């Protein structure tokens, strides 16, 4: 079973690192209690540093996600506007209108030929 650790709990690895730093900087004549107090202070400093780094990482992640979302929204808006800007036909008249105009001209030609004869 895993133990429930509170938010202020310091890991064993951090404790070992703090004790190693405290022993490495131990002065001659310093008692074990003094070294333990120094190690405790170092532990708290390490824990505070880790909290700050996690907060910075969360902030960077939120900013990155916001940038990605903004870029996606911008691309979607550009795509939408591009769809509405494109004309359906490049010429002024549609193929159906052209066919009707040709049919009208031909029919008037036939009527003119019939009247002339």
C-alpha atoms as a PDB file:
ATOM      1  CA  UNK A   1       0.000   0.000   0.000  1.00  0.00           C
ATOM      2  CA  UNK A   2       1.144   3.501  -0.768  1.00  0.00           C
ATOM      3  CA  UNK A   3       1.202   6.110   1.929  1.00  0.00           C
ATOM      4  CA  UNK A   4      -0.795   9.273   1.389  1.00  0.00           C
ATOM      5  CA  UNK A   5       1.614  12.156   1.309  1.00  0.00           C
ATOM      6  CA  UNK A   6       0.528  15.663   1.987  1.00  0.00           C
ATOM      7  CA  UNK A   7       1.512  18.524  -0.310  1.00  0.00           C
ATOM      8  CA  UNK A   8       4.261  19.553   2.133  1.00  0.00           C
ATOM      9  CA  UNK A   9       5.873  16.094   2.362  1.00  0.00           C
ATOM     10  CA  UNK A  10       9.501  15.960   1.284  1.00  0.00           C
ATOM     11  CA  UNK A  11      10.714  12.933  -0.627  1.00  0.00           C
ATOM     12  CA  UNK A  12      13.432  10.623   0.712  1.00  0.00           C
ATOM     13  CA  UNK A  13      15.608  11.489  -2.272  1.00  0.00           C
ATOM     14  CA  UNK A  14      15.402  15.191  -1.422  1.00  0.00           C
ATOM     15  CA  UNK A  15      16.254  14.440   2.201  1.00  0.00           C
ATOM     16  CA  UNK A  16      19.305  12.444   1.125  1.00  0.00           C
ATOM     17  CA  UNK A  17      20.436  15.205  -1.230  1.00  0.00           C
ATOM     18  CA  UNK A  18      20.018  17.819   1.507  1.00  0.00           C
ATOM     19  CA  UNK A  19      21.962  15.756   4.040  1.00  0.00           C
ATOM     20  CA  UNK A  20      24.757  15.185   1.496  1.00  0.00           C
ATOM     21  CA  UNK A  21      25.011  18.935   0.845  1.00  0.00           C
ATOM     22  CA  UNK A  22      24.926  19.701   4.578  1.00  0.00           C
ATOM     23  CA  UNK A  23      27.687  17.151   5.308  1.00  0.00           C
ATOM     24  CA  UNK A  24      29.768  18.411   2.405  1.00  0.00           C
ATOM     25  CA  UNK A  25      29.643  21.946   3.831  1.00  0.00           C
ATOM     26  CA  UNK A  26      30.023  20.885   7.465  1.00  0.00           C
ATOM     27  CA  UNK A  27      32.414  23.044   9.486  1.00  0.00           C
ATOM     28  CA  UNK A  28      34.867  21.576  11.988  1.00  0.00           C
ATOM     29  CA  UNK A  29      33.310  21.341  15.438  1.00  0.00           C
ATOM     30  CA  UNK A  30      29.733  21.421  14.093  1.00  0.00           C
ATOM     31  CA  UNK A  31      27.382  19.078  15.969  1.00  0.00           C
ATOM     32  CA  UNK A  32      25.116  16.516  14.339  1.00  0.00           C
ATOM     33  CA  UNK A  33      22.065  18.508  15.460  1.00  0.00           C
ATOM     34  CA  UNK A  34      23.371  21.604  13.733  1.00  0.00           C
ATOM     35  CA  UNK A  35      24.041  19.598  10.579  1.00  0.00           C
ATOM     36  CA  UNK A  36      20.488  18.177  10.729  1.00  0.00           C
ATOM     37  CA  UNK A  37      19.057  21.691  11.097  1.00  0.00           C
ATOM     38  CA  UNK A  38      21.054  22.842   8.091  1.00  0.00           C
ATOM     39  CA  UNK A  39      19.876  19.773   6.149  1.00  0.00           C
ATOM     40  CA  UNK A  40      16.263  20.604   7.088  1.00  0.00           C
ATOM     41  CA  UNK A  41      16.697  24.126   5.738  1.00  0.00           C
ATOM     42  CA  UNK A  42      18.205  22.782   2.553  1.00  0.00           C
ATOM     43  CA  UNK A  43      15.286  20.338   2.210  1.00  0.00           C
ATOM     44  CA  UNK A  44      12.826  23.195   2.469  1.00  0.00           C
ATOM     45  CA  UNK A  45      14.789  25.173  -0.094  1.00  0.00           C
ATOM     46  CA  UNK A  46      14.849  22.260  -2.511  1.00  0.00           C
ATOM     47  CA  UNK A  47      11.119  21.659  -2.016  1.00  0.00           C
ATOM     48  CA  UNK A  48      10.372  25.353  -2.626  1.00  0.00           C
ATOM     49  CA  UNK A  49      12.538  25.332  -5.755  1.00  0.00           C
ATOM     50  CA  UNK A  50      10.698  22.275  -7.099  1.00  0.00           C
ATOM     51  CA  UNK A  51       7.333  23.951  -6.447  1.00  0.00           C
ATOM     52  CA  UNK A  52       8.460  27.049  -8.332  1.00  0.00           C
ATOM     53  CA  UNK A  53       9.688  24.971 -11.257  1.00  0.00           C
ATOM     54  CA  UNK A  54       6.397  23.056 -11.406  1.00  0.00           C
ATOM     55  CA  UNK A  55       4.454  26.331 -11.375  1.00  0.00           C
ATOM     56  CA  UNK A  56       6.637  27.705 -14.179  1.00  0.00           C
ATOM     57  CA  UNK A  57       6.136  24.508 -16.181  1.00  0.00           C
ATOM     58  CA  UNK A  58       2.358  24.744 -15.739  1.00  0.00           C
ATOM     59  CA  UNK A  59       2.408  28.376 -16.862  1.00  0.00           C
ATOM     60  CA  UNK A  60       4.532  27.547 -19.922  1.00  0.00           C
ATOM     61  CA  UNK A  61       2.209  24.655 -20.773  1.00  0.00           C
ATOM     62  CA  UNK A  62      -0.870  26.886 -20.507  1.00  0.00           C
ATOM     63  CA  UNK A  63       0.763  29.505 -22.726  1.00  0.00           C
ATOM     64  CA  UNK A  64       1.781  26.878 -25.269  1.00  0.00           C
ATOM     65  CA  UNK A  65      -1.744  25.452 -25.363  1.00  0.00           C
ATOM     66  CA  UNK A  66      -3.220  28.947 -25.726  1.00  0.00           C
ATOM     67  CA  UNK A  67      -0.864  29.664 -28.642  1.00  0.00           C
ATOM     68  CA  UNK A  68      -1.807  26.400 -30.342  1.00  0.00           C
ATOM     69  CA  UNK A  69      -5.509  27.119 -29.858  1.00  0.00           C
ATOM     70  CA  UNK A  70      -5.122  30.665 -31.203  1.00  0.00           C
ATOM     71  CA  UNK A  71      -3.242  29.373 -34.238  1.00  0.00           C
ATOM     72  CA  UNK A  72      -5.951  26.777 -34.912  1.00  0.00           C
ATOM     73  CA  UNK A  73      -8.677  29.418 -34.588  1.00  0.00           C
ATOM     74  CA  UNK A  74      -6.785  31.720 -36.955  1.00  0.00           C
ATOM     75  CA  UNK A  75      -6.347  28.942 -39.512  1.00  0.00           C
ATOM     76  CA  UNK A  76     -10.036  28.052 -39.270  1.00  0.00           C
ATOM     77  CA  UNK A  77     -11.021  31.702 -39.774  1.00  0.00           C
ATOM     78  CA  UNK A  78      -8.696  31.995 -42.787  1.00  0.00           C
ATOM     79  CA  UNK A  79     -10.157  28.824 -44.257  1.00  0.00           C
ATOM     80  CA  UNK A  80     -13.697  30.091 -43.730  1.00  0.00           C
ATOM     81  CA  UNK A  81     -12.984  33.464 -45.311  1.00  0.00           C
ATOM     82  CA  UNK A  82     -11.211  31.793 -48.230  1.00  0.00           C
ATOM     83  CA  UNK A  83     -14.304  29.701 -48.957  1.00  0.00           C
ATOM     84  CA  UNK A  84     -16.520  32.776 -49.257  1.00  0.00           C
ATOM     85  CA  UNK A  85     -14.081  34.813 -51.344  1.00  0.00           C
ATOM     86  CA  UNK A  86     -13.808  32.324 -54.190  1.00  0.00           C
ATOM     87  CA  UNK A  87     -16.334  32.988 -56.992  1.00  0.00           C
ATOM     88  CA  UNK A  88     -18.442  30.088 -58.168  1.00  0.00           C
ATOM     89  CA  UNK A  89     -17.718  30.816 -61.860  1.00  0.00           C
ATOM     90  CA  UNK A  90     -14.849  32.773 -63.332  1.00  0.00           C
ATOM     91  CA  UNK A  91     -16.856  34.352 -66.185  1.00  0.00           C
ATOM     92  CA  UNK A  92     -19.760  36.747 -65.850  1.00  0.00           C
ATOM     93  CA  UNK A  93     -22.258  34.335 -67.391  1.00  0.00           C
ATOM     94  CA  UNK A  94     -22.955  30.797 -66.282  1.00  0.00           C
ATOM     95  CA  UNK A  95     -22.873  27.962 -68.843  1.00  0.00           C
ATOM     96  CA  UNK A  96     -26.683  27.760 -68.690  1.00  0.00           C
ATOM     97  CA  UNK A  97     -27.017  31.473 -69.455  1.00  0.00           C
ATOM     98  CA  UNK A  98     -24.630  31.099 -72.406  1.00  0.00           C
ATOM     99  CA  UNK A  99     -26.634  28.147 -73.751  1.00  0.00           C
ATOM    100  CA  UNK A 100     -29.867  30.130 -73.476  1.00  0.00           C
ATOM    101  CA  UNK A 101     -28.307  33.094 -75.293  1.00  0.00           C
ATOM    102  CA  UNK A 102     -27.137  30.842 -78.140  1.00  0.00           C
ATOM    103  CA  UNK A 103     -30.602  29.258 -78.340  1.00  0.00           C
ATOM    104  CA  UNK A 104     -32.218  32.710 -78.515  1.00  0.00           C
ATOM    105  CA  UNK A 105     -29.887  33.840 -81.324  1.00  0.00           C
ATOM    106  CA  UNK A 106     -30.498  30.626 -83.294  1.00  0.00           C
ATOM    107  CA  UNK A 107     -34.275  30.912 -82.873  1.00  0.00           C
ATOM    108  CA  UNK A 108     -34.231  34.549 -84.060  1.00  0.00           C
ATOM    109  CA  UNK A 109     -32.122  33.468 -87.035  1.00  0.00           C
ATOM    110  CA  UNK A 110     -34.620  30.769 -87.935  1.00  0.00           C
ATOM    111  CA  UNK A 111     -37.529  33.231 -87.642  1.00  0.00           C
ATOM    112  CA  UNK A 112     -35.681  35.773 -89.784  1.00  0.00           C
ATOM    113  CA  UNK A 113     -34.965  33.085 -92.414  1.00  0.00           C
ATOM    114  CA  UNK A 114     -38.626  32.046 -92.501  1.00  0.00           C
ATOM    115  CA  UNK A 115     -39.802  35.637 -92.896  1.00  0.00           C
ATOM    116  CA  UNK A 116     -37.303  36.321 -95.651  1.00  0.00           C
ATOM    117  CA  UNK A 117     -38.439  33.425 -97.795  1.00  0.00           C
END
